[in-house]
Amino acid sequence: MVDLHTKYMGLELAHPVVASASPLSRDLDGIRRLEDGGAAAIVMFSLFEEQIRHERAALEHLTGAGADAFAESLSYFPDVADVRVGPGRYLELVRRAREAVAVPIVASLNGTTSEGWVDYATQLHQAGAAAIELNVYYVAADLETSGREVE
Protein backbone atom coordinates (compact mmCIF):
# COMPACT_ATOMS: atom_id res chain seq x y z
CA MET A 1 0.00 0.00 0.00
CA VAL A 2 1.17 3.53 -0.77
CA ASP A 3 2.34 5.62 2.17
CA LEU A 4 0.26 8.82 2.14
CA HIS A 5 1.74 10.39 5.26
CA THR A 6 2.24 14.09 4.75
CA LYS A 7 3.18 17.21 6.61
CA TYR A 8 0.72 20.12 6.53
CA MET A 9 1.34 23.36 8.46
CA GLY A 10 3.91 21.48 10.49
CA LEU A 11 1.41 18.75 11.42
CA GLU A 12 2.17 15.12 10.66
CA LEU A 13 -0.94 13.66 8.98
CA ALA A 14 -1.76 10.09 7.99
CA HIS A 15 -2.91 11.33 4.57
CA PRO A 16 -3.58 14.69 2.88
CA VAL A 17 -7.38 14.78 3.32
CA VAL A 18 -8.22 17.76 5.54
CA ALA A 19 -11.83 18.72 6.29
CA SER A 20 -12.10 22.43 5.58
CA ALA A 21 -14.29 24.82 7.52
CA SER A 22 -17.95 23.88 7.18
CA PRO A 23 -21.18 23.75 9.19
CA LEU A 24 -20.10 20.29 10.40
CA SER A 25 -17.40 21.91 12.52
CA ARG A 26 -19.95 23.97 14.48
CA ASP A 27 -20.62 21.21 17.02
CA LEU A 28 -18.91 18.21 18.55
CA ASP A 29 -21.16 15.68 16.79
CA GLY A 30 -20.24 17.12 13.39
CA ILE A 31 -16.55 17.13 14.28
CA ARG A 32 -16.76 13.45 15.25
CA ARG A 33 -18.54 12.73 11.96
CA LEU A 34 -15.69 14.39 10.05
CA GLU A 35 -13.15 12.23 11.85
CA ASP A 36 -15.29 9.12 11.29
CA GLY A 37 -15.45 10.06 7.60
CA GLY A 38 -11.67 9.85 7.39
CA ALA A 39 -10.43 13.42 7.76
CA ALA A 40 -6.78 13.53 8.82
CA ALA A 41 -7.30 17.01 10.32
CA ILE A 42 -10.30 19.28 10.84
CA VAL A 43 -10.41 23.03 10.19
CA MET A 44 -12.98 24.76 12.39
CA PHE A 45 -15.39 27.42 11.15
CA SER A 46 -13.94 30.92 11.50
CA LEU A 47 -13.94 33.06 14.62
CA PHE A 48 -14.58 36.65 13.49
CA GLU A 49 -13.19 39.44 15.65
CA GLU A 50 -15.57 41.97 14.10
CA GLN A 51 -18.58 39.81 15.01
CA ILE A 52 -17.44 39.64 18.64
CA ARG A 53 -16.96 43.41 18.72
CA HIS A 54 -20.41 43.94 17.18
CA GLU A 55 -22.08 41.58 19.70
CA ARG A 56 -20.40 43.37 22.62
CA ALA A 57 -21.45 46.80 21.33
CA ALA A 58 -25.03 45.65 20.71
CA LEU A 59 -25.27 44.14 24.20
CA GLU A 60 -23.94 47.30 25.82
CA HIS A 61 -26.40 49.41 23.83
CA LEU A 62 -29.42 47.23 24.60
CA THR A 63 -28.71 46.81 28.29
CA GLY A 64 -27.94 50.49 28.70
CA ALA A 65 -31.04 51.76 26.88
CA GLY A 66 -33.33 53.41 29.42
CA ALA A 67 -31.12 52.36 32.30
CA ASP A 68 -31.43 55.74 33.93
CA ALA A 69 -35.14 56.34 33.23
CA PHE A 70 -36.28 55.40 36.78
CA ALA A 71 -34.56 54.52 40.01
CA GLU A 72 -35.70 50.89 39.56
CA SER A 73 -34.43 50.66 35.99
CA LEU A 74 -30.85 50.13 37.14
CA SER A 75 -31.81 46.55 38.02
CA TYR A 76 -33.70 45.68 34.79
CA PHE A 77 -30.76 43.99 33.16
CA PRO A 78 -27.70 42.15 34.47
CA ASP A 79 -24.36 43.91 34.43
CA VAL A 80 -22.78 43.51 30.99
CA ALA A 81 -19.66 42.06 32.63
CA ASP A 82 -21.79 39.13 33.88
CA VAL A 83 -23.04 38.19 30.39
CA ARG A 84 -20.94 35.77 28.35
CA VAL A 85 -20.07 37.53 25.11
CA GLY A 86 -16.93 36.90 23.12
CA PRO A 87 -14.94 33.92 21.94
CA GLY A 88 -15.81 31.72 24.94
CA ARG A 89 -18.12 29.30 23.13
CA TYR A 90 -15.66 28.92 20.26
CA LEU A 91 -12.74 28.32 22.62
CA GLU A 92 -14.76 25.78 24.58
CA LEU A 93 -15.61 23.92 21.36
CA VAL A 94 -11.91 23.84 20.42
CA ARG A 95 -11.10 22.40 23.89
CA ARG A 96 -13.84 19.78 23.70
CA ALA A 97 -13.00 18.83 20.11
CA ARG A 98 -9.33 18.41 20.99
CA GLU A 99 -10.30 15.96 23.71
CA ALA A 100 -12.94 14.14 21.63
CA VAL A 101 -11.03 13.31 18.45
CA ALA A 102 -7.59 11.94 17.63
CA VAL A 103 -6.95 14.17 14.60
CA PRO A 104 -5.53 17.71 14.82
CA ILE A 105 -8.02 20.55 15.27
CA VAL A 106 -7.14 23.66 13.28
CA ALA A 107 -8.83 26.85 14.49
CA SER A 108 -9.69 29.55 11.96
CA LEU A 109 -9.33 33.22 12.86
CA ASN A 110 -10.46 36.34 11.03
CA GLY A 111 -9.06 39.33 12.89
CA THR A 112 -9.47 43.01 12.13
CA THR A 113 -6.98 44.64 14.50
CA SER A 114 -3.37 43.89 15.42
CA GLU A 115 -4.44 43.37 19.02
CA GLY A 116 -7.28 41.06 17.97
CA TRP A 117 -5.04 38.85 15.84
CA VAL A 118 -2.55 38.39 18.66
CA ASP A 119 -5.07 38.08 21.51
CA TYR A 120 -7.41 35.62 19.82
CA ALA A 121 -4.56 33.57 18.32
CA THR A 122 -3.06 33.24 21.81
CA GLN A 123 -6.40 32.15 23.25
CA LEU A 124 -6.91 29.60 20.44
CA HIS A 125 -3.44 28.18 21.06
CA GLN A 126 -4.16 27.95 24.80
CA ALA A 127 -7.48 26.22 24.06
CA GLY A 128 -5.59 23.43 22.33
CA ALA A 129 -5.72 24.22 18.62
CA ALA A 130 -2.97 22.26 16.85
CA ALA A 131 -2.67 25.10 14.33
CA ILE A 132 -4.42 28.33 13.41
CA GLU A 133 -5.63 29.20 9.93
CA LEU A 134 -5.46 32.97 9.44
CA ASN A 135 -8.55 33.89 7.47
CA VAL A 136 -7.44 37.16 5.90
CA TYR A 137 -10.27 39.03 4.22
CA TYR A 138 -10.39 42.77 4.08
CA VAL A 139 -12.35 45.04 1.75
CA ALA A 140 -10.16 48.09 1.20
CA ALA A 141 -12.98 50.50 0.41
CA ASP A 142 -11.61 53.63 2.08
CA LEU A 143 -9.72 55.65 -0.54
CA GLU A 144 -7.90 57.52 2.23
CA THR A 145 -6.29 54.32 3.60
CA SER A 146 -2.81 53.68 2.21
CA GLY A 147 -1.65 50.30 0.95
CA ARG A 148 0.78 50.12 3.88
CA GLU A 149 -2.08 50.55 6.37
CA VAL A 150 -4.14 47.85 4.64
CA GLU A 151 -1.27 45.37 4.78
C-alpha atoms as a PDB file:
ATOM      1  CA  MET A   1       0.000   0.000   0.000  1.00  0.00           C
ATOM      2  CA  VAL A   2       1.168   3.526  -0.766  1.00  0.00           C
ATOM      3  CA  ASP A   3       2.339   5.619   2.166  1.00  0.00           C
ATOM      4  CA  LEU A   4       0.264   8.817   2.136  1.00  0.00           C
ATOM      5  CA  HIS A   5       1.737  10.394   5.256  1.00  0.00           C
ATOM      6  CA  THR A   6       2.241  14.087   4.753  1.00  0.00           C
ATOM      7  CA  LYS A   7       3.181  17.214   6.612  1.00  0.00           C
ATOM      8  CA  TYR A   8       0.716  20.121   6.528  1.00  0.00           C
ATOM      9  CA  MET A   9       1.340  23.362   8.456  1.00  0.00           C
ATOM     10  CA  GLY A  10       3.906  21.477  10.494  1.00  0.00           C
ATOM     11  CA  LEU A  11       1.414  18.750  11.416  1.00  0.00           C
ATOM     12  CA  GLU A  12       2.169  15.116  10.664  1.00  0.00           C
ATOM     13  CA  LEU A  13      -0.939  13.665   8.985  1.00  0.00           C
ATOM     14  CA  ALA A  14      -1.764  10.087   7.992  1.00  0.00           C
ATOM     15  CA  HIS A  15      -2.908  11.331   4.573  1.00  0.00           C
ATOM     16  CA  PRO A  16      -3.581  14.686   2.879  1.00  0.00           C
ATOM     17  CA  VAL A  17      -7.383  14.782   3.316  1.00  0.00           C
ATOM     18  CA  VAL A  18      -8.223  17.759   5.544  1.00  0.00           C
ATOM     19  CA  ALA A  19     -11.826  18.716   6.289  1.00  0.00           C
ATOM     20  CA  SER A  20     -12.097  22.430   5.582  1.00  0.00           C
ATOM     21  CA  ALA A  21     -14.294  24.820   7.521  1.00  0.00           C
ATOM     22  CA  SER A  22     -17.953  23.882   7.181  1.00  0.00           C
ATOM     23  CA  PRO A  23     -21.184  23.748   9.191  1.00  0.00           C
ATOM     24  CA  LEU A  24     -20.099  20.292  10.397  1.00  0.00           C
ATOM     25  CA  SER A  25     -17.397  21.913  12.523  1.00  0.00           C
ATOM     26  CA  ARG A  26     -19.953  23.966  14.484  1.00  0.00           C
ATOM     27  CA  ASP A  27     -20.622  21.213  17.018  1.00  0.00           C
ATOM     28  CA  LEU A  28     -18.912  18.206  18.551  1.00  0.00           C
ATOM     29  CA  ASP A  29     -21.162  15.685  16.790  1.00  0.00           C
ATOM     30  CA  GLY A  30     -20.237  17.115  13.388  1.00  0.00           C
ATOM     31  CA  ILE A  31     -16.550  17.125  14.281  1.00  0.00           C
ATOM     32  CA  ARG A  32     -16.762  13.451  15.248  1.00  0.00           C
ATOM     33  CA  ARG A  33     -18.538  12.733  11.956  1.00  0.00           C
ATOM     34  CA  LEU A  34     -15.692  14.391  10.046  1.00  0.00           C
ATOM     35  CA  GLU A  35     -13.150  12.230  11.850  1.00  0.00           C
ATOM     36  CA  ASP A  36     -15.287   9.121  11.289  1.00  0.00           C
ATOM     37  CA  GLY A  37     -15.446  10.062   7.600  1.00  0.00           C
ATOM     38  CA  GLY A  38     -11.670   9.851   7.394  1.00  0.00           C
ATOM     39  CA  ALA A  39     -10.427  13.425   7.760  1.00  0.00           C
ATOM     40  CA  ALA A  40      -6.775  13.525   8.821  1.00  0.00           C
ATOM     41  CA  ALA A  41      -7.305  17.011  10.324  1.00  0.00           C
ATOM     42  CA  ILE A  42     -10.299  19.283  10.841  1.00  0.00           C
ATOM     43  CA  VAL A  43     -10.410  23.026  10.193  1.00  0.00           C
ATOM     44  CA  MET A  44     -12.985  24.757  12.387  1.00  0.00           C
ATOM     45  CA  PHE A  45     -15.392  27.421  11.152  1.00  0.00           C
ATOM     46  CA  SER A  46     -13.941  30.924  11.504  1.00  0.00           C
ATOM     47  CA  LEU A  47     -13.940  33.061  14.619  1.00  0.00           C
ATOM     48  CA  PHE A  48     -14.581  36.653  13.488  1.00  0.00           C
ATOM     49  CA  GLU A  49     -13.193  39.442  15.654  1.00  0.00           C
ATOM     50  CA  GLU A  50     -15.572  41.973  14.102  1.00  0.00           C
ATOM     51  CA  GLN A  51     -18.575  39.805  15.009  1.00  0.00           C
ATOM     52  CA  ILE A  52     -17.444  39.643  18.642  1.00  0.00           C
ATOM     53  CA  ARG A  53     -16.958  43.412  18.722  1.00  0.00           C
ATOM     54  CA  HIS A  54     -20.407  43.936  17.178  1.00  0.00           C
ATOM     55  CA  GLU A  55     -22.078  41.580  19.702  1.00  0.00           C
ATOM     56  CA  ARG A  56     -20.402  43.371  22.616  1.00  0.00           C
ATOM     57  CA  ALA A  57     -21.445  46.799  21.332  1.00  0.00           C
ATOM     58  CA  ALA A  58     -25.033  45.653  20.711  1.00  0.00           C
ATOM     59  CA  LEU A  59     -25.267  44.137  24.199  1.00  0.00           C
ATOM     60  CA  GLU A  60     -23.942  47.300  25.825  1.00  0.00           C
ATOM     61  CA  HIS A  61     -26.396  49.411  23.831  1.00  0.00           C
ATOM     62  CA  LEU A  62     -29.418  47.227  24.600  1.00  0.00           C
ATOM     63  CA  THR A  63     -28.706  46.810  28.292  1.00  0.00           C
ATOM     64  CA  GLY A  64     -27.944  50.489  28.702  1.00  0.00           C
ATOM     65  CA  ALA A  65     -31.045  51.758  26.883  1.00  0.00           C
ATOM     66  CA  GLY A  66     -33.333  53.412  29.420  1.00  0.00           C
ATOM     67  CA  ALA A  67     -31.119  52.362  32.296  1.00  0.00           C
ATOM     68  CA  ASP A  68     -31.435  55.742  33.928  1.00  0.00           C
ATOM     69  CA  ALA A  69     -35.141  56.338  33.226  1.00  0.00           C
ATOM     70  CA  PHE A  70     -36.276  55.398  36.781  1.00  0.00           C
ATOM     71  CA  ALA A  71     -34.562  54.521  40.011  1.00  0.00           C
ATOM     72  CA  GLU A  72     -35.704  50.893  39.565  1.00  0.00           C
ATOM     73  CA  SER A  73     -34.425  50.660  35.989  1.00  0.00           C
ATOM     74  CA  LEU A  74     -30.849  50.126  37.141  1.00  0.00           C
ATOM     75  CA  SER A  75     -31.814  46.550  38.017  1.00  0.00           C
ATOM     76  CA  TYR A  76     -33.699  45.682  34.792  1.00  0.00           C
ATOM     77  CA  PHE A  77     -30.756  43.988  33.165  1.00  0.00           C
ATOM     78  CA  PRO A  78     -27.704  42.152  34.470  1.00  0.00           C
ATOM     79  CA  ASP A  79     -24.360  43.905  34.435  1.00  0.00           C
ATOM     80  CA  VAL A  80     -22.784  43.509  30.990  1.00  0.00           C
ATOM     81  CA  ALA A  81     -19.663  42.059  32.629  1.00  0.00           C
ATOM     82  CA  ASP A  82     -21.791  39.126  33.876  1.00  0.00           C
ATOM     83  CA  VAL A  83     -23.041  38.187  30.390  1.00  0.00           C
ATOM     84  CA  ARG A  84     -20.943  35.765  28.353  1.00  0.00           C
ATOM     85  CA  VAL A  85     -20.066  37.527  25.108  1.00  0.00           C
ATOM     86  CA  GLY A  86     -16.926  36.899  23.125  1.00  0.00           C
ATOM     87  CA  PRO A  87     -14.936  33.918  21.945  1.00  0.00           C
ATOM     88  CA  GLY A  88     -15.811  31.719  24.943  1.00  0.00           C
ATOM     89  CA  ARG A  89     -18.119  29.296  23.126  1.00  0.00           C
ATOM     90  CA  TYR A  90     -15.662  28.916  20.257  1.00  0.00           C
ATOM     91  CA  LEU A  91     -12.738  28.325  22.624  1.00  0.00           C
ATOM     92  CA  GLU A  92     -14.761  25.776  24.580  1.00  0.00           C
ATOM     93  CA  LEU A  93     -15.610  23.922  21.359  1.00  0.00           C
ATOM     94  CA  VAL A  94     -11.910  23.839  20.424  1.00  0.00           C
ATOM     95  CA  ARG A  95     -11.100  22.400  23.886  1.00  0.00           C
ATOM     96  CA  ARG A  96     -13.840  19.785  23.699  1.00  0.00           C
ATOM     97  CA  ALA A  97     -13.001  18.829  20.107  1.00  0.00           C
ATOM     98  CA  ARG A  98      -9.331  18.414  20.985  1.00  0.00           C
ATOM     99  CA  GLU A  99     -10.303  15.959  23.712  1.00  0.00           C
ATOM    100  CA  ALA A 100     -12.938  14.136  21.630  1.00  0.00           C
ATOM    101  CA  VAL A 101     -11.031  13.308  18.450  1.00  0.00           C
ATOM    102  CA  ALA A 102      -7.595  11.943  17.634  1.00  0.00           C
ATOM    103  CA  VAL A 103      -6.946  14.168  14.603  1.00  0.00           C
ATOM    104  CA  PRO A 104      -5.533  17.705  14.825  1.00  0.00           C
ATOM    105  CA  ILE A 105      -8.022  20.550  15.274  1.00  0.00           C
ATOM    106  CA  VAL A 106      -7.145  23.663  13.277  1.00  0.00           C
ATOM    107  CA  ALA A 107      -8.829  26.848  14.486  1.00  0.00           C
ATOM    108  CA  SER A 108      -9.689  29.550  11.957  1.00  0.00           C
ATOM    109  CA  LEU A 109      -9.325  33.215  12.857  1.00  0.00           C
ATOM    110  CA  ASN A 110     -10.457  36.336  11.029  1.00  0.00           C
ATOM    111  CA  GLY A 111      -9.060  39.326  12.888  1.00  0.00           C
ATOM    112  CA  THR A 112      -9.475  43.007  12.128  1.00  0.00           C
ATOM    113  CA  THR A 113      -6.976  44.640  14.497  1.00  0.00           C
ATOM    114  CA  SER A 114      -3.373  43.887  15.417  1.00  0.00           C
ATOM    115  CA  GLU A 115      -4.441  43.371  19.023  1.00  0.00           C
ATOM    116  CA  GLY A 116      -7.280  41.056  17.974  1.00  0.00           C
ATOM    117  CA  TRP A 117      -5.041  38.853  15.843  1.00  0.00           C
ATOM    118  CA  VAL A 118      -2.553  38.385  18.663  1.00  0.00           C
ATOM    119  CA  ASP A 119      -5.067  38.083  21.513  1.00  0.00           C
ATOM    120  CA  TYR A 120      -7.411  35.616  19.821  1.00  0.00           C
ATOM    121  CA  ALA A 121      -4.557  33.570  18.318  1.00  0.00           C
ATOM    122  CA  THR A 122      -3.061  33.240  21.805  1.00  0.00           C
ATOM    123  CA  GLN A 123      -6.399  32.146  23.245  1.00  0.00           C
ATOM    124  CA  LEU A 124      -6.908  29.604  20.436  1.00  0.00           C
ATOM    125  CA  HIS A 125      -3.445  28.178  21.065  1.00  0.00           C
ATOM    126  CA  GLN A 126      -4.159  27.945  24.800  1.00  0.00           C
ATOM    127  CA  ALA A 127      -7.484  26.219  24.063  1.00  0.00           C
ATOM    128  CA  GLY A 128      -5.593  23.426  22.325  1.00  0.00           C
ATOM    129  CA  ALA A 129      -5.717  24.219  18.623  1.00  0.00           C
ATOM    130  CA  ALA A 130      -2.973  22.263  16.854  1.00  0.00           C
ATOM    131  CA  ALA A 131      -2.665  25.096  14.327  1.00  0.00           C
ATOM    132  CA  ILE A 132      -4.415  28.325  13.405  1.00  0.00           C
ATOM    133  CA  GLU A 133      -5.628  29.204   9.929  1.00  0.00           C
ATOM    134  CA  LEU A 134      -5.463  32.966   9.439  1.00  0.00           C
ATOM    135  CA  ASN A 135      -8.548  33.893   7.467  1.00  0.00           C
ATOM    136  CA  VAL A 136      -7.438  37.160   5.896  1.00  0.00           C
ATOM    137  CA  TYR A 137     -10.273  39.034   4.220  1.00  0.00           C
ATOM    138  CA  TYR A 138     -10.392  42.774   4.078  1.00  0.00           C
ATOM    139  CA  VAL A 139     -12.348  45.042   1.755  1.00  0.00           C
ATOM    140  CA  ALA A 140     -10.155  48.087   1.204  1.00  0.00           C
ATOM    141  CA  ALA A 141     -12.981  50.498   0.412  1.00  0.00           C
ATOM    142  CA  ASP A 142     -11.612  53.631   2.077  1.00  0.00           C
ATOM    143  CA  LEU A 143      -9.723  55.652  -0.537  1.00  0.00           C
ATOM    144  CA  GLU A 144      -7.902  57.519   2.231  1.00  0.00           C
ATOM    145  CA  THR A 145      -6.289  54.322   3.599  1.00  0.00           C
ATOM    146  CA  SER A 146      -2.812  53.675   2.215  1.00  0.00           C
ATOM    147  CA  GLY A 147      -1.647  50.304   0.951  1.00  0.00           C
ATOM    148  CA  ARG A 148       0.782  50.118   3.877  1.00  0.00           C
ATOM    149  CA  GLU A 149      -2.080  50.555   6.368  1.00  0.00           C
ATOM    150  CA  VAL A 150      -4.140  47.853   4.638  1.00  0.00           C
ATOM    151  CA  GLU A 151      -1.273  45.368   4.778  1.00  0.00           C
END
